[in-house]
Amino acid sequence: MAFESWQWINEPGEWAAVGEGVRVVAGAQTDLWQKTHYGYSFDTGHMFGRLVSGDTRVTATFDADYAEQYDQAGAVLRIDEENWIKAGTEFVDGALQLSVVVTRGFSDWSVVPAPGTPTSVTIDLERAGDAVTVRYGFDGAEPAHMLRLAYFPPEVPALAGAMCAAPVGKGFETRFSRLSAT
């Protein structure tokens, strides 16, 4: 897959296009979060995608070398630093979690334990009208399990693609074996 029309927000120091995917090393102390609970705002997570308008579907299949609390990777839809959705996996309290953060000025966060120890995860964000449906699948299975339904402003251009961040750690590697934003 060619990534000519794709762009970085917060380009990492180390990354490479590999076939239909991308290998990314998340930089230390990177995060995406706005205000709620923690009282801080970060817009330093690595995001790689292309601009889309209207209805879209973003799919990311990946595996990662999680090492520290809150290491995270997945898919993202981002209008600006205060309007976005990220969904994927996050290393929380020593275990892999399915994670979704919806931000409209303030971030909310939901997590559920990932069943077992999947070797890869596929996250799908489907934007239809004013809603985004988040689905997931494991180990090559299509993302058939619904995780969240959230409001997202319709018809506003958004960056659609992959994300990763290492809020408290020294960084970690994520391998996105499949990325698409249609």
C-alpha atoms as a PDB file:
ATOM      1  CA  MET A   1       0.000   0.000   0.000  1.00  0.00           C
ATOM      2  CA  ALA A   2       1.256   3.444  -0.869  1.00  0.00           C
ATOM      3  CA  PHE A   3       1.082   6.062   1.866  1.00  0.00           C
ATOM      4  CA  GLU A   4       1.625   9.118  -0.381  1.00  0.00           C
ATOM      5  CA  SER A   5      -1.592  10.788   0.795  1.00  0.00           C
ATOM      6  CA  TRP A   6      -0.936   9.955   4.477  1.00  0.00           C
ATOM      7  CA  GLN A   7       0.638  12.345   6.963  1.00  0.00           C
ATOM      8  CA  TRP A   8       2.019  12.378  10.482  1.00  0.00           C
ATOM      9  CA  ILE A   9       0.849  14.380  13.438  1.00  0.00           C
ATOM     10  CA  ASN A  10       3.712  14.185  15.949  1.00  0.00           C
ATOM     11  CA  GLU A  11       5.987  12.115  13.725  1.00  0.00           C
ATOM     12  CA  PRO A  12       8.023   9.634  15.792  1.00  0.00           C
ATOM     13  CA  GLY A  13      11.800   9.569  15.660  1.00  0.00           C
ATOM     14  CA  GLU A  14      11.724   6.002  14.337  1.00  0.00           C
ATOM     15  CA  TRP A  15       9.269   4.538  11.846  1.00  0.00           C
ATOM     16  CA  ALA A  16       9.163   2.729   8.483  1.00  0.00           C
ATOM     17  CA  ALA A  17       6.531   1.733   5.930  1.00  0.00           C
ATOM     18  CA  VAL A  18       6.480  -2.066   5.670  1.00  0.00           C
ATOM     19  CA  GLY A  19       4.280  -3.596   2.955  1.00  0.00           C
ATOM     20  CA  GLU A  20       0.680  -2.623   3.683  1.00  0.00           C
ATOM     21  CA  GLY A  21       1.598  -1.393   7.138  1.00  0.00           C
ATOM     22  CA  VAL A  22       3.918   0.666   9.270  1.00  0.00           C
ATOM     23  CA  ARG A  23       6.410  -0.111  12.032  1.00  0.00           C
ATOM     24  CA  VAL A  24       6.473   2.647  14.662  1.00  0.00           C
ATOM     25  CA  VAL A  25       8.477   3.177  17.830  1.00  0.00           C
ATOM     26  CA  ALA A  26       6.421   5.372  20.165  1.00  0.00           C
ATOM     27  CA  GLY A  27       8.491   8.079  21.794  1.00  0.00           C
ATOM     28  CA  ALA A  28       8.762   8.408  25.567  1.00  0.00           C
ATOM     29  CA  GLN A  29       6.239  10.577  27.421  1.00  0.00           C
ATOM     30  CA  THR A  30       3.756  10.780  24.511  1.00  0.00           C
ATOM     31  CA  ASP A  31       0.007  10.802  25.072  1.00  0.00           C
ATOM     32  CA  LEU A  32      -3.420  11.917  23.847  1.00  0.00           C
ATOM     33  CA  TRP A  33      -5.666  13.237  26.602  1.00  0.00           C
ATOM     34  CA  GLN A  34      -7.714  16.329  27.466  1.00  0.00           C
ATOM     35  CA  LYS A  35      -8.335  17.525  31.035  1.00  0.00           C
ATOM     36  CA  THR A  36     -10.746  15.030  32.625  1.00  0.00           C
ATOM     37  CA  HIS A  37      -9.696  13.482  35.952  1.00  0.00           C
ATOM     38  CA  TYR A  38      -5.941  13.984  35.525  1.00  0.00           C
ATOM     39  CA  GLY A  39      -6.194  17.754  34.948  1.00  0.00           C
ATOM     40  CA  TYR A  40      -3.681  17.833  32.101  1.00  0.00           C
ATOM     41  CA  SER A  41      -3.817  18.065  28.324  1.00  0.00           C
ATOM     42  CA  PHE A  42      -1.518  16.150  25.990  1.00  0.00           C
ATOM     43  CA  ASP A  43      -1.590  16.083  22.214  1.00  0.00           C
ATOM     44  CA  THR A  44       1.789  14.420  21.681  1.00  0.00           C
ATOM     45  CA  GLY A  45       0.792  10.881  20.658  1.00  0.00           C
ATOM     46  CA  HIS A  46       1.896   9.707  17.213  1.00  0.00           C
ATOM     47  CA  MET A  47      -0.878   9.689  14.595  1.00  0.00           C
ATOM     48  CA  PHE A  48      -0.462   8.547  10.981  1.00  0.00           C
ATOM     49  CA  GLY A  49      -3.372   8.880   8.590  1.00  0.00           C
ATOM     50  CA  ARG A  50      -5.070  10.676   5.781  1.00  0.00           C
ATOM     51  CA  LEU A  51      -7.735  13.370   5.739  1.00  0.00           C
ATOM     52  CA  VAL A  52     -11.259  12.140   5.101  1.00  0.00           C
ATOM     53  CA  SER A  53     -14.659  13.835   5.044  1.00  0.00           C
ATOM     54  CA  GLY A  54     -18.031  12.296   5.670  1.00  0.00           C
ATOM     55  CA  ASP A  55     -18.622   8.598   6.180  1.00  0.00           C
ATOM     56  CA  THR A  56     -15.460   6.528   6.463  1.00  0.00           C
ATOM     57  CA  ARG A  57     -14.024   3.298   7.781  1.00  0.00           C
ATOM     58  CA  VAL A  58     -10.614   3.073   9.444  1.00  0.00           C
ATOM     59  CA  THR A  59      -9.096  -0.355  10.065  1.00  0.00           C
ATOM     60  CA  ALA A  60      -5.802  -1.091  11.825  1.00  0.00           C
ATOM     61  CA  THR A  61      -4.352  -4.539  12.520  1.00  0.00           C
ATOM     62  CA  PHE A  62      -1.366  -4.502  14.842  1.00  0.00           C
ATOM     63  CA  ASP A  63       0.757  -6.112  17.529  1.00  0.00           C
ATOM     64  CA  ALA A  64       3.048  -4.332  19.977  1.00  0.00           C
ATOM     65  CA  ASP A  65       5.772  -4.791  22.574  1.00  0.00           C
ATOM     66  CA  TYR A  66       3.927  -3.236  25.527  1.00  0.00           C
ATOM     67  CA  ALA A  67       6.233  -2.597  28.455  1.00  0.00           C
ATOM     68  CA  GLU A  68       4.927   0.156  30.726  1.00  0.00           C
ATOM     69  CA  GLN A  69       1.662   1.392  32.214  1.00  0.00           C
ATOM     70  CA  TYR A  70      -0.580   3.029  29.565  1.00  0.00           C
ATOM     71  CA  ASP A  71       1.463   1.968  26.501  1.00  0.00           C
ATOM     72  CA  GLN A  72      -1.185   2.131  23.767  1.00  0.00           C
ATOM     73  CA  ALA A  73      -1.768   1.525  20.060  1.00  0.00           C
ATOM     74  CA  GLY A  74      -4.734   1.449  17.728  1.00  0.00           C
ATOM     75  CA  ALA A  75      -6.835   3.499  15.331  1.00  0.00           C
ATOM     76  CA  VAL A  76      -7.743   7.191  15.464  1.00  0.00           C
ATOM     77  CA  LEU A  77     -10.189   9.707  13.986  1.00  0.00           C
ATOM     78  CA  ARG A  78      -9.016  13.258  14.764  1.00  0.00           C
ATOM     79  CA  ILE A  79     -10.560  16.607  13.857  1.00  0.00           C
ATOM     80  CA  ASP A  80      -8.264  18.648  16.113  1.00  0.00           C
ATOM     81  CA  GLU A  81      -6.612  18.395  19.540  1.00  0.00           C
ATOM     82  CA  GLU A  82      -9.966  18.621  21.355  1.00  0.00           C
ATOM     83  CA  ASN A  83     -12.139  16.460  19.061  1.00  0.00           C
ATOM     84  CA  TRP A  84     -11.047  12.872  18.429  1.00  0.00           C
ATOM     85  CA  ILE A  85     -11.599   9.186  19.101  1.00  0.00           C
ATOM     86  CA  LYS A  86      -8.801   6.696  19.690  1.00  0.00           C
ATOM     87  CA  ALA A  87      -9.465   2.987  20.108  1.00  0.00           C
ATOM     88  CA  GLY A  88      -7.182   0.020  20.485  1.00  0.00           C
ATOM     89  CA  THR A  89      -5.273  -1.741  23.181  1.00  0.00           C
ATOM     90  CA  GLU A  90      -3.596  -0.327  26.234  1.00  0.00           C
ATOM     91  CA  PHE A  91      -1.361  -1.911  28.871  1.00  0.00           C
ATOM     92  CA  VAL A  92      -3.049  -1.099  32.211  1.00  0.00           C
ATOM     93  CA  ASP A  93      -2.176  -2.561  35.625  1.00  0.00           C
ATOM     94  CA  GLY A  94      -0.072  -5.319  34.091  1.00  0.00           C
ATOM     95  CA  ALA A  95      -2.654  -6.546  31.573  1.00  0.00           C
ATOM     96  CA  LEU A  96      -3.760  -5.822  28.026  1.00  0.00           C
ATOM     97  CA  GLN A  97      -7.042  -3.907  27.848  1.00  0.00           C
ATOM     98  CA  LEU A  98      -9.325  -2.903  24.986  1.00  0.00           C
ATOM     99  CA  SER A  99      -9.478   0.859  25.275  1.00  0.00           C
ATOM    100  CA  VAL A 100     -11.550   3.688  23.792  1.00  0.00           C
ATOM    101  CA  VAL A 101     -11.134   7.402  24.490  1.00  0.00           C
ATOM    102  CA  VAL A 102     -13.684   9.858  23.124  1.00  0.00           C
ATOM    103  CA  THR A 103     -12.727  13.518  23.372  1.00  0.00           C
ATOM    104  CA  ARG A 104     -14.968  16.530  22.788  1.00  0.00           C
ATOM    105  CA  GLY A 105     -13.103  19.138  24.808  1.00  0.00           C
ATOM    106  CA  PHE A 106     -12.796  16.633  27.667  1.00  0.00           C
ATOM    107  CA  SER A 107     -11.641  13.025  27.385  1.00  0.00           C
ATOM    108  CA  ASP A 108     -13.563  10.024  28.643  1.00  0.00           C
ATOM    109  CA  TRP A 109     -12.025   6.565  28.838  1.00  0.00           C
ATOM    110  CA  SER A 110     -13.453   3.076  28.822  1.00  0.00           C
ATOM    111  CA  VAL A 111     -11.510  -0.168  29.162  1.00  0.00           C
ATOM    112  CA  VAL A 112     -12.361  -3.860  29.250  1.00  0.00           C
ATOM    113  CA  PRO A 113      -9.896  -6.726  29.672  1.00  0.00           C
ATOM    114  CA  ALA A 114      -8.714  -8.274  26.421  1.00  0.00           C
ATOM    115  CA  PRO A 115      -9.672 -11.944  26.583  1.00  0.00           C
ATOM    116  CA  GLY A 116      -6.646 -14.250  26.619  1.00  0.00           C
ATOM    117  CA  THR A 117      -3.415 -13.109  25.015  1.00  0.00           C
ATOM    118  CA  PRO A 118      -4.077 -12.220  21.383  1.00  0.00           C
ATOM    119  CA  THR A 119      -1.083 -12.110  19.056  1.00  0.00           C
ATOM    120  CA  SER A 120      -2.688  -9.333  16.989  1.00  0.00           C
ATOM    121  CA  VAL A 121      -5.653  -7.011  17.293  1.00  0.00           C
ATOM    122  CA  THR A 122      -7.800  -5.430  14.594  1.00  0.00           C
ATOM    123  CA  ILE A 123      -9.662  -2.219  15.415  1.00  0.00           C
ATOM    124  CA  ASP A 124     -12.310  -0.780  13.131  1.00  0.00           C
ATOM    125  CA  LEU A 125     -13.767   2.735  13.438  1.00  0.00           C
ATOM    126  CA  GLU A 126     -16.787   3.216  11.195  1.00  0.00           C
ATOM    127  CA  ARG A 127     -18.048   6.787  10.859  1.00  0.00           C
ATOM    128  CA  ALA A 128     -21.631   7.017   9.578  1.00  0.00           C
ATOM    129  CA  GLY A 129     -23.391  10.365   9.843  1.00  0.00           C
ATOM    130  CA  ASP A 130     -22.894  11.677  13.375  1.00  0.00           C
ATOM    131  CA  ALA A 131     -21.722   8.406  14.950  1.00  0.00           C
ATOM    132  CA  VAL A 132     -18.633   6.208  15.116  1.00  0.00           C
ATOM    133  CA  THR A 133     -18.976   2.495  15.835  1.00  0.00           C
ATOM    134  CA  VAL A 134     -15.873   0.874  17.333  1.00  0.00           C
ATOM    135  CA  ARG A 135     -15.375  -2.841  16.663  1.00  0.00           C
ATOM    136  CA  TYR A 136     -12.542  -5.267  17.368  1.00  0.00           C
ATOM    137  CA  GLY A 137     -11.255  -8.705  16.404  1.00  0.00           C
ATOM    138  CA  PHE A 138      -8.271 -10.847  17.424  1.00  0.00           C
ATOM    139  CA  ASP A 139      -5.636 -12.902  15.626  1.00  0.00           C
ATOM    140  CA  GLY A 140      -6.736 -12.240  12.049  1.00  0.00           C
ATOM    141  CA  ALA A 141     -10.480 -12.312  12.711  1.00  0.00           C
ATOM    142  CA  GLU A 142     -12.503  -9.486  11.213  1.00  0.00           C
ATOM    143  CA  PRO A 143     -13.562  -6.836  13.763  1.00  0.00           C
ATOM    144  CA  ALA A 144     -17.067  -8.180  14.457  1.00  0.00           C
ATOM    145  CA  HIS A 145     -17.382  -7.376  18.173  1.00  0.00           C
ATOM    146  CA  MET A 146     -18.834  -3.976  19.029  1.00  0.00           C
ATOM    147  CA  LEU A 147     -16.984  -2.084  21.751  1.00  0.00           C
ATOM    148  CA  ARG A 148     -18.501   1.405  21.626  1.00  0.00           C
ATOM    149  CA  LEU A 149     -20.853   3.759  19.791  1.00  0.00           C
ATOM    150  CA  ALA A 150     -20.014   7.461  20.131  1.00  0.00           C
ATOM    151  CA  TYR A 151     -21.060  10.810  18.726  1.00  0.00           C
ATOM    152  CA  PHE A 152     -18.624  12.363  16.245  1.00  0.00           C
ATOM    153  CA  PRO A 153     -19.308  15.580  14.301  1.00  0.00           C
ATOM    154  CA  PRO A 154     -20.546  14.695  10.792  1.00  0.00           C
ATOM    155  CA  GLU A 155     -19.045  15.968   7.535  1.00  0.00           C
ATOM    156  CA  VAL A 156     -16.056  17.587   9.280  1.00  0.00           C
ATOM    157  CA  PRO A 157     -12.668  16.609   7.793  1.00  0.00           C
ATOM    158  CA  ALA A 158     -10.740  14.289  10.112  1.00  0.00           C
ATOM    159  CA  LEU A 159      -7.412  12.495  10.111  1.00  0.00           C
ATOM    160  CA  ALA A 160      -8.164   8.766   9.865  1.00  0.00           C
ATOM    161  CA  GLY A 161      -5.460   6.236  10.638  1.00  0.00           C
ATOM    162  CA  ALA A 162      -3.236   4.698  13.297  1.00  0.00           C
ATOM    163  CA  MET A 163      -1.963   5.952  16.646  1.00  0.00           C
ATOM    164  CA  CYS A 164       0.429   4.942  19.406  1.00  0.00           C
ATOM    165  CA  ALA A 165       1.785   6.563  22.571  1.00  0.00           C
ATOM    166  CA  ALA A 166       3.901   5.783  25.639  1.00  0.00           C
ATOM    167  CA  PRO A 167       2.677   8.150  28.395  1.00  0.00           C
ATOM    168  CA  VAL A 168       4.925   6.976  31.256  1.00  0.00           C
ATOM    169  CA  GLY A 169       7.437   4.640  29.643  1.00  0.00           C
ATOM    170  CA  LYS A 170      10.566   4.945  27.540  1.00  0.00           C
ATOM    171  CA  GLY A 171       8.692   4.033  24.353  1.00  0.00           C
ATOM    172  CA  PHE A 172       7.811   0.756  22.627  1.00  0.00           C
ATOM    173  CA  GLU A 173       7.424  -0.734  19.155  1.00  0.00           C
ATOM    174  CA  THR A 174       4.129  -1.296  17.348  1.00  0.00           C
ATOM    175  CA  ARG A 175       3.792  -3.145  14.061  1.00  0.00           C
ATOM    176  CA  PHE A 176       0.723  -2.140  12.049  1.00  0.00           C
ATOM    177  CA  SER A 177       0.458  -4.977   9.511  1.00  0.00           C
ATOM    178  CA  ARG A 178      -2.679  -3.544   7.881  1.00  0.00           C
ATOM    179  CA  LEU A 179      -3.883   0.050   7.680  1.00  0.00           C
ATOM    180  CA  SER A 180      -6.760   1.412   5.659  1.00  0.00           C
ATOM    181  CA  ALA A 181      -8.906   4.533   5.680  1.00  0.00           C
ATOM    182  CA  THR A 182     -11.648   4.510   3.059  1.00  0.00           C
END
